[in-house]
Protein backbone atom coordinates (compact mmCIF):
# COMPACT_ATOMS: atom_id res chain seq x y z
CA MET A 1 -11.85 -17.64 -17.13
CA ALA A 2 -9.81 -14.60 -15.24
CA LEU A 3 -11.91 -12.02 -14.00
CA PHE A 4 -9.14 -9.41 -14.20
CA GLY A 5 -7.89 -10.19 -17.43
CA GLN A 6 -4.34 -9.17 -17.54
CA SER A 7 -1.52 -10.91 -19.50
CA LEU A 8 0.88 -12.57 -17.08
CA HIS A 9 3.81 -12.32 -19.61
CA ARG A 10 7.07 -11.49 -17.70
CA GLU A 11 10.79 -11.70 -18.81
CA PRO A 12 13.55 -12.12 -16.21
CA ALA A 13 14.56 -8.66 -14.95
CA THR A 14 18.16 -7.28 -15.43
CA GLN A 15 19.55 -4.11 -14.15
CA LEU A 16 20.06 -1.41 -16.53
CA GLN A 17 17.83 -3.21 -19.09
CA PRO A 18 14.19 -2.51 -20.10
CA LEU A 19 11.53 -4.63 -18.06
CA VAL A 20 8.88 -6.61 -19.53
CA ASP A 21 6.50 -7.08 -16.71
CA PRO A 22 2.76 -7.27 -16.60
CA ALA A 23 2.72 -4.57 -13.98
CA GLY A 24 4.25 -2.00 -16.59
CA TRP A 25 0.89 -0.48 -17.53
CA GLU A 26 0.30 2.95 -19.07
CA PRO A 27 -2.22 5.28 -17.48
CA ALA A 28 -4.14 5.66 -20.81
CA ASP A 29 -4.80 1.78 -20.92
CA ILE A 30 -6.19 1.90 -17.20
CA MET A 31 -8.51 4.59 -17.83
CA ARG A 32 -9.80 2.84 -21.14
CA ASP A 33 -10.26 -0.80 -19.75
CA GLU A 34 -11.67 -1.42 -16.47
CA SER A 35 -11.13 -5.04 -16.01
CA TRP A 36 -9.05 -4.39 -13.02
CA ALA A 37 -12.13 -3.72 -10.95
CA TYR A 38 -15.06 -6.08 -9.90
CA THR A 39 -18.14 -5.01 -8.03
CA PHE A 40 -19.46 -7.37 -5.27
CA THR A 41 -22.90 -8.99 -6.25
CA LYS A 42 -25.72 -9.20 -3.83
CA ALA A 43 -24.68 -12.83 -3.42
CA ASP A 44 -21.13 -11.94 -2.49
CA ILE A 45 -22.25 -9.26 0.01
CA GLY A 46 -24.63 -11.68 1.61
CA GLU A 47 -21.77 -14.36 2.15
CA ILE A 48 -19.41 -11.82 3.63
CA LEU A 49 -21.95 -10.63 5.99
CA ASP A 50 -22.65 -13.91 6.91
CA ALA A 51 -18.97 -14.64 7.79
CA VAL A 52 -18.94 -11.51 9.77
CA LYS A 53 -21.94 -12.71 12.00
CA ARG A 54 -20.32 -15.97 12.50
CA PHE A 55 -17.11 -14.67 13.53
CA GLN A 56 -18.60 -11.92 16.06
CA ARG A 57 -20.80 -14.91 17.60
CA GLY A 58 -17.47 -16.61 18.43
CA GLY A 59 -16.46 -13.70 20.65
CA ALA A 60 -12.74 -13.60 19.65
CA PRO A 61 -10.87 -10.27 19.22
CA LEU A 62 -10.53 -9.38 15.73
CA ALA A 63 -6.69 -9.48 15.79
CA GLN A 64 -6.83 -13.19 16.61
CA MET A 65 -8.77 -13.69 13.31
CA ARG A 66 -7.34 -16.36 10.83
CA VAL A 67 -8.41 -17.05 7.32
CA GLN A 68 -10.15 -20.35 8.40
CA ASP A 69 -12.37 -18.10 10.96
CA PHE A 70 -13.75 -16.31 7.88
CA ALA A 71 -14.95 -18.80 5.34
CA LEU A 72 -16.01 -17.67 2.23
CA PRO A 73 -17.06 -20.63 -0.03
CA ASN A 74 -17.60 -18.67 -3.02
CA VAL A 75 -16.21 -15.33 -2.74
CA GLN A 76 -12.72 -16.98 -1.81
CA ALA A 77 -12.29 -17.81 -5.64
CA LEU A 78 -12.48 -14.13 -6.41
CA LEU A 79 -10.08 -13.24 -3.90
CA ARG A 80 -7.55 -15.67 -5.20
CA GLU A 81 -7.89 -14.37 -8.45
CA ALA A 82 -7.29 -10.87 -6.76
CA ARG A 83 -4.03 -12.09 -5.15
CA ASP A 84 -2.76 -13.32 -8.51
CA GLU A 85 -3.48 -10.18 -10.14
CA LEU A 86 -1.58 -8.49 -7.51
CA LEU A 87 1.41 -10.87 -7.68
CA ASN A 88 1.51 -11.69 -11.27
CA GLY A 89 -0.53 -9.19 -13.29
CA ARG A 90 -1.07 -5.40 -13.14
CA GLY A 91 -0.14 -5.22 -9.40
CA PHE A 92 -3.49 -3.60 -8.41
CA VAL A 93 -7.16 -4.60 -8.11
CA TYR A 94 -10.17 -2.58 -7.17
CA LEU A 95 -13.12 -4.51 -5.32
CA ARG A 96 -16.27 -2.40 -4.93
CA GLY A 97 -19.61 -2.25 -3.38
CA LEU A 98 -19.18 -3.41 0.22
CA PRO A 99 -22.15 -1.52 1.91
CA VAL A 100 -20.09 0.40 4.42
CA GLU A 101 -22.77 3.29 4.71
CA SER A 102 -25.60 0.52 5.86
CA ILE A 103 -23.61 -1.54 8.15
CA SER A 104 -21.98 -0.72 11.55
CA ALA A 105 -18.40 0.07 11.94
CA ASP A 106 -17.63 -2.97 13.75
CA ASP A 107 -19.26 -5.12 10.77
CA ALA A 108 -17.42 -3.18 8.05
CA ALA A 109 -13.85 -3.67 10.10
CA THR A 110 -14.58 -7.27 10.52
CA ALA A 111 -15.73 -7.80 6.78
CA TYR A 112 -12.62 -5.82 5.54
CA PHE A 113 -10.24 -7.82 7.92
CA GLY A 114 -11.74 -11.03 6.84
CA ILE A 115 -11.46 -10.45 3.13
CA GLY A 116 -7.79 -9.33 3.84
CA GLN A 117 -7.04 -12.83 5.37
CA HIS A 118 -7.62 -14.24 2.10
CA VAL A 119 -5.22 -12.15 0.21
CA GLY A 120 -2.18 -12.09 2.82
CA ARG A 121 -1.20 -12.06 6.35
CA PRO A 122 -1.86 -8.64 8.25
CA VAL A 123 1.21 -7.37 9.85
CA SER A 124 1.80 -4.33 12.18
CA GLN A 125 1.47 -0.79 10.68
CA ASN A 126 3.03 1.10 13.65
CA ALA A 127 4.62 0.68 17.01
CA GLN A 128 1.25 0.24 18.86
CA GLY A 129 0.74 -2.99 16.87
CA HIS A 130 -2.05 -1.99 14.83
CA ILE A 131 -2.78 -4.87 12.13
CA LEU A 132 -5.87 -3.00 11.23
CA GLY A 133 -4.77 0.63 10.35
CA HIS A 134 -7.07 4.11 10.38
CA VAL A 135 -6.07 6.61 8.01
CA LYS A 136 -7.62 9.94 9.03
CA ASP A 137 -6.58 13.48 10.24
CA TYR A 138 -4.74 13.17 13.72
CA GLY A 139 -3.72 16.72 13.75
CA ARG A 140 -0.06 16.13 12.97
CA SER A 141 2.40 18.00 10.79
CA ILE A 142 3.94 16.22 7.94
CA ASP A 143 7.15 18.03 8.81
CA ASP A 144 7.50 16.55 12.21
CA LEU A 145 10.30 13.97 12.34
CA ASN A 146 8.18 11.47 14.07
CA SER A 147 4.78 11.90 12.39
CA ARG A 148 3.48 9.59 9.73
CA GLY A 149 1.76 10.70 6.45
CA TYR A 150 -1.53 8.99 7.15
CA GLN A 151 -1.90 10.93 10.25
CA THR A 152 -2.18 14.17 8.43
CA THR A 153 -4.00 15.99 5.75
CA ALA A 154 -0.97 16.96 3.87
CA GLU A 155 -0.21 15.76 0.09
CA LEU A 156 1.90 12.72 0.04
CA GLY A 157 4.76 11.86 -2.25
CA PHE A 158 4.64 8.46 -4.12
CA HIS A 159 5.90 5.86 -1.81
CA ALA A 160 5.64 2.09 -1.14
CA ASP A 161 4.46 0.72 2.52
CA HIS A 162 6.32 -1.99 4.64
CA SER A 163 4.30 -4.75 3.34
CA ASP A 164 3.89 -6.81 0.29
CA TYR A 165 0.44 -5.69 -0.37
CA VAL A 166 -1.36 -2.51 0.89
CA GLY A 167 -5.30 -2.50 1.13
CA LEU A 168 -7.48 0.68 1.61
CA LEU A 169 -11.19 0.53 2.37
CA CYS A 170 -12.99 3.87 1.81
CA LEU A 171 -15.44 4.42 4.82
CA ARG A 172 -15.86 8.29 4.11
CA THR A 173 -14.31 10.75 1.75
CA ALA A 174 -12.93 14.36 2.55
CA LYS A 175 -14.87 17.50 2.20
CA SER A 176 -12.42 18.14 -0.74
CA GLY A 177 -9.14 16.67 -2.05
CA GLY A 178 -7.60 13.60 -0.65
CA ALA A 179 -7.46 12.06 -4.03
CA SER A 180 -5.88 8.57 -4.28
CA ARG A 181 -2.98 8.11 -6.86
CA PHE A 182 -0.97 5.34 -7.67
CA ALA A 183 1.62 4.71 -10.68
CA SER A 184 3.34 1.60 -12.01
CA SER A 185 7.09 1.43 -10.70
CA VAL A 186 8.01 -0.66 -13.79
CA THR A 187 6.54 1.99 -16.18
CA LEU A 188 8.58 4.55 -14.18
CA TYR A 189 11.73 2.47 -14.33
CA ASN A 190 11.33 2.00 -18.13
CA ARG A 191 10.63 5.87 -18.78
CA LEU A 192 13.70 6.83 -16.63
CA LEU A 193 15.87 4.22 -18.28
CA ALA A 194 15.09 5.39 -21.94
CA MET A 195 15.87 9.19 -20.66
CA ARG A 196 18.99 9.00 -18.38
CA PRO A 197 20.32 5.46 -17.65
CA ASP A 198 22.89 7.33 -15.48
CA LEU A 199 20.46 8.49 -12.99
CA VAL A 200 18.98 4.84 -12.92
CA GLN A 201 22.09 3.62 -12.09
CA VAL A 202 22.02 6.06 -9.01
CA LEU A 203 18.61 5.06 -8.11
CA CYS A 204 19.84 1.46 -7.99
CA GLU A 205 22.24 2.36 -5.19
CA ASP A 206 21.24 3.01 -1.35
CA PHE A 207 19.36 5.87 -0.05
CA TYR A 208 18.65 6.52 3.39
CA TYR A 209 15.06 6.26 4.97
CA SER A 210 13.88 7.52 8.39
CA ARG A 211 11.98 4.99 10.44
CA GLY A 212 9.75 7.72 11.74
CA GLY A 213 10.89 7.27 15.34
CA GLU A 214 9.52 3.62 15.27
CA ILE A 215 12.82 1.70 15.75
CA PRO A 216 13.23 -1.91 16.04
CA PRO A 217 15.59 -3.27 18.84
CA GLY A 218 19.18 -3.31 17.67
CA LYS A 219 18.49 -1.00 14.71
CA GLU A 220 19.31 2.54 13.75
CA ALA A 221 16.87 5.48 13.26
CA TRP A 222 17.38 5.08 9.76
CA TYR A 223 17.93 2.17 7.12
CA ALA A 224 19.34 1.95 3.77
CA GLN A 225 18.11 0.56 0.35
CA PRO A 226 17.84 1.28 -3.30
CA ALA A 227 14.78 3.04 -4.91
CA PHE A 228 15.03 0.13 -7.68
CA SER A 229 16.14 -3.44 -6.64
CA PHE A 230 16.50 -6.53 -8.39
CA HIS A 231 16.81 -10.36 -7.19
CA ASP A 232 16.50 -13.53 -8.86
CA GLY A 233 15.13 -11.94 -12.16
CA TYR A 234 12.67 -9.90 -10.35
CA PHE A 235 12.41 -5.91 -10.24
CA SER A 236 11.13 -4.11 -6.84
CA ALA A 237 10.74 -0.51 -6.09
CA ARG A 238 10.01 1.95 -3.44
CA GLY A 239 9.57 5.67 -3.38
CA LEU A 240 11.52 8.72 -2.47
CA SER A 241 9.27 10.73 -0.26
CA SER A 242 9.46 12.49 2.80
CA TYR A 243 11.13 9.53 4.66
CA VAL A 244 14.15 10.15 2.72
CA LEU A 245 14.13 13.96 3.14
CA LYS A 246 13.50 13.31 7.11
CA ALA A 247 16.56 10.89 7.19
CA GLN A 248 18.64 13.78 6.16
CA ARG A 249 18.15 15.12 9.85
CA LEU A 250 19.28 12.06 11.34
CA PRO A 251 22.88 11.24 12.75
CA GLY A 252 25.06 8.96 10.72
CA VAL A 253 23.14 9.64 7.31
CA PRO A 254 25.32 11.19 4.58
CA PRO A 255 24.05 14.23 2.63
CA PHE A 256 22.46 13.71 -0.60
CA THR A 257 25.12 13.80 -3.50
CA GLU A 258 24.21 15.91 -6.45
CA ALA A 259 23.70 12.97 -8.70
CA GLN A 260 20.97 11.91 -5.96
CA LYS A 261 19.38 15.23 -5.91
CA GLU A 262 19.15 15.18 -9.95
CA ALA A 263 17.93 11.40 -9.81
CA MET A 264 15.25 12.41 -7.10
CA SER A 265 14.07 15.27 -9.00
CA LEU A 266 13.62 13.26 -12.31
CA PHE A 267 12.05 10.45 -10.54
CA ARG A 268 9.42 12.66 -8.71
CA LYS A 269 8.54 14.36 -11.86
CA THR A 270 8.19 11.25 -13.89
CA VAL A 271 6.21 9.07 -11.41
CA ALA A 272 3.45 11.95 -11.42
CA GLU A 273 3.31 11.41 -15.13
CA CYS A 274 2.93 7.86 -14.89
CA ALA A 275 0.15 7.85 -12.32
CA VAL A 276 -3.77 7.33 -12.62
CA ASN A 277 -6.18 9.15 -10.45
CA LEU A 278 -9.23 6.64 -9.82
CA GLU A 279 -12.41 7.64 -8.08
CA PHE A 280 -12.43 6.45 -4.46
CA ARG A 281 -15.94 5.93 -3.18
CA PRO A 282 -17.38 4.64 0.09
CA GLY A 283 -17.19 0.86 -0.01
CA ASP A 284 -14.28 0.73 -2.37
CA ILE A 285 -11.44 -1.50 -1.70
CA GLN A 286 -8.07 -0.75 -3.40
CA LEU A 287 -5.18 -3.14 -3.36
CA LEU A 288 -1.88 -2.52 -4.32
CA HIS A 289 1.36 -4.58 -4.81
CA ASN A 290 3.79 -2.32 -3.18
CA HIS A 291 6.83 -3.87 -5.01
CA VAL A 292 5.57 -2.78 -8.43
CA ALA A 293 3.23 0.24 -7.46
CA LEU A 294 3.86 3.47 -5.78
CA HIS A 295 0.84 5.48 -4.23
CA SER A 296 0.25 9.08 -3.13
CA ARG A 297 -2.56 11.34 -2.05
CA SER A 298 -3.15 14.81 -2.58
CA ALA A 299 -3.75 17.34 0.32
CA TYR A 300 -7.42 17.44 1.54
CA GLU A 301 -9.85 19.64 3.61
CA ASP A 302 -12.03 17.64 6.02
CA TRP A 303 -15.49 17.97 7.06
CA PRO A 304 -16.24 19.88 10.51
CA GLU A 305 -18.26 17.38 11.89
CA PRO A 306 -16.66 14.11 13.18
CA SER A 307 -19.04 11.77 11.94
CA ARG A 308 -18.22 12.81 8.47
CA LYS A 309 -14.52 13.11 8.28
CA ARG A 310 -12.36 11.37 5.94
CA HIS A 311 -11.73 7.59 7.03
CA LEU A 312 -9.96 4.83 5.40
CA LEU A 313 -9.24 1.37 6.82
CA ARG A 314 -5.88 -0.09 5.96
CA LEU A 315 -4.34 -3.19 5.88
CA TRP A 316 -0.64 -4.18 5.46
CA LEU A 317 -0.41 -7.61 3.97
CA ARG A 318 2.52 -10.21 3.75
CA ASP A 319 2.76 -12.91 1.21
CA PRO A 320 4.74 -15.73 2.35
CA ASN A 321 4.95 -16.86 -1.51
CA GLY A 322 5.54 -13.35 -2.80
CA ARG A 323 8.01 -11.54 -5.03
CA PRO A 324 11.41 -12.62 -4.37
CA LEU A 325 13.35 -9.72 -2.81
CA PRO A 326 16.96 -8.98 -1.61
CA GLU A 327 17.07 -9.51 2.07
CA SER A 328 18.16 -6.01 2.82
CA VAL A 329 14.93 -5.05 1.13
CA ARG A 330 12.77 -7.89 2.61
CA GLU A 331 13.68 -7.03 6.05
CA ASN A 332 11.93 -3.68 5.81
CA PHE A 333 8.88 -5.10 4.21
CA VAL A 334 7.45 -7.03 7.24
CA GLY A 335 5.66 -4.39 8.91
CA VAL A 336 6.71 -2.30 12.02
CA GLU A 337 7.78 -4.25 15.12
CA VAL A 338 9.55 -2.49 18.09
CA GLU A 339 10.17 -3.67 21.56
CA GLY A 340 6.99 -4.31 23.39
CA THR A 341 4.73 -4.45 20.07
CA LYS A 342 1.50 -5.97 20.84
CA HIS A 343 -0.92 -6.93 17.78
CA CYS A 344 -4.21 -5.36 17.96
CA ALA A 345 -7.05 -4.38 15.56
CA PRO A 346 -8.83 -1.48 17.11
CA VAL A 347 -12.40 -0.94 15.07
CA ASP A 348 -11.73 2.99 15.26
CA LEU A 349 -9.41 5.48 16.57
CA ILE A 350 -10.12 8.88 17.92
CA PRO A 351 -7.45 11.41 16.79
CA ALA A 352 -5.50 12.79 19.45
């Protein structure tokens, strides 16, 4: 019996036609039916923490962990179902109850990284090669051309990260704000198509995105791809948040057309109406499929004490057998790799 209980019915996706996809959920349905969430049992947690101890006894750096290094004889079946729900179901899963408040930071990071190994392959999240990321306030401004949203306390627009799946483990919450929100891009597309098919056509054409100063060898400081893409009967989407606005300040990027401005305005208004806001508690793991879900965050005020500050661990996971994508899209969903990047998995980072 499937743990997450979502229908897997999908029909081939065709541009400018309504989508039939299990990732096309409505917010009210999500709030009414919590079959998307699973709470770890005492036995599950014992198995995970035993795997943590085995890995740590081996002495290998966390970044060198592979799935065979974090054996979960029973929990692995749950994680296979979680991956299937990401790829073939709603496109999101919550795993709750990891005891982050009663274990060390090293144990929490190792447990989370090991769980992620059973869902996908971690990829680099920045030019420093972090395959375990830290979402916290680094004192950066969202308006800085080379800043990343996760380094600030600012509200973030709905977006998709540069990987097939993104995972967030909540270690600590903010003093106020910082709510995690996400929306079905399938539902967004269908609502927009019903209202303005002419603007959906615009959204199926290229927009320009800033790379945030993290530029692979031989590439420009920007890249181009549609907000909505179609390939081999599959739909995929990405957001129109600060990176498209920052790209307007880069050489070689054309200014927005009037049609693009109108499409972006309707996109942003409608995606907010498609979103759910789920309580994010310490020990919760949120997993999203970037090609069918867009996520955001409200602005937040943090605690003054360093030990209490909002802190999420992040994974970007690639699925070699994931959703088919156009090559022009796929090349931008394999993490961040620049010249000299060396992968590492820091257990914590002190904001500069």
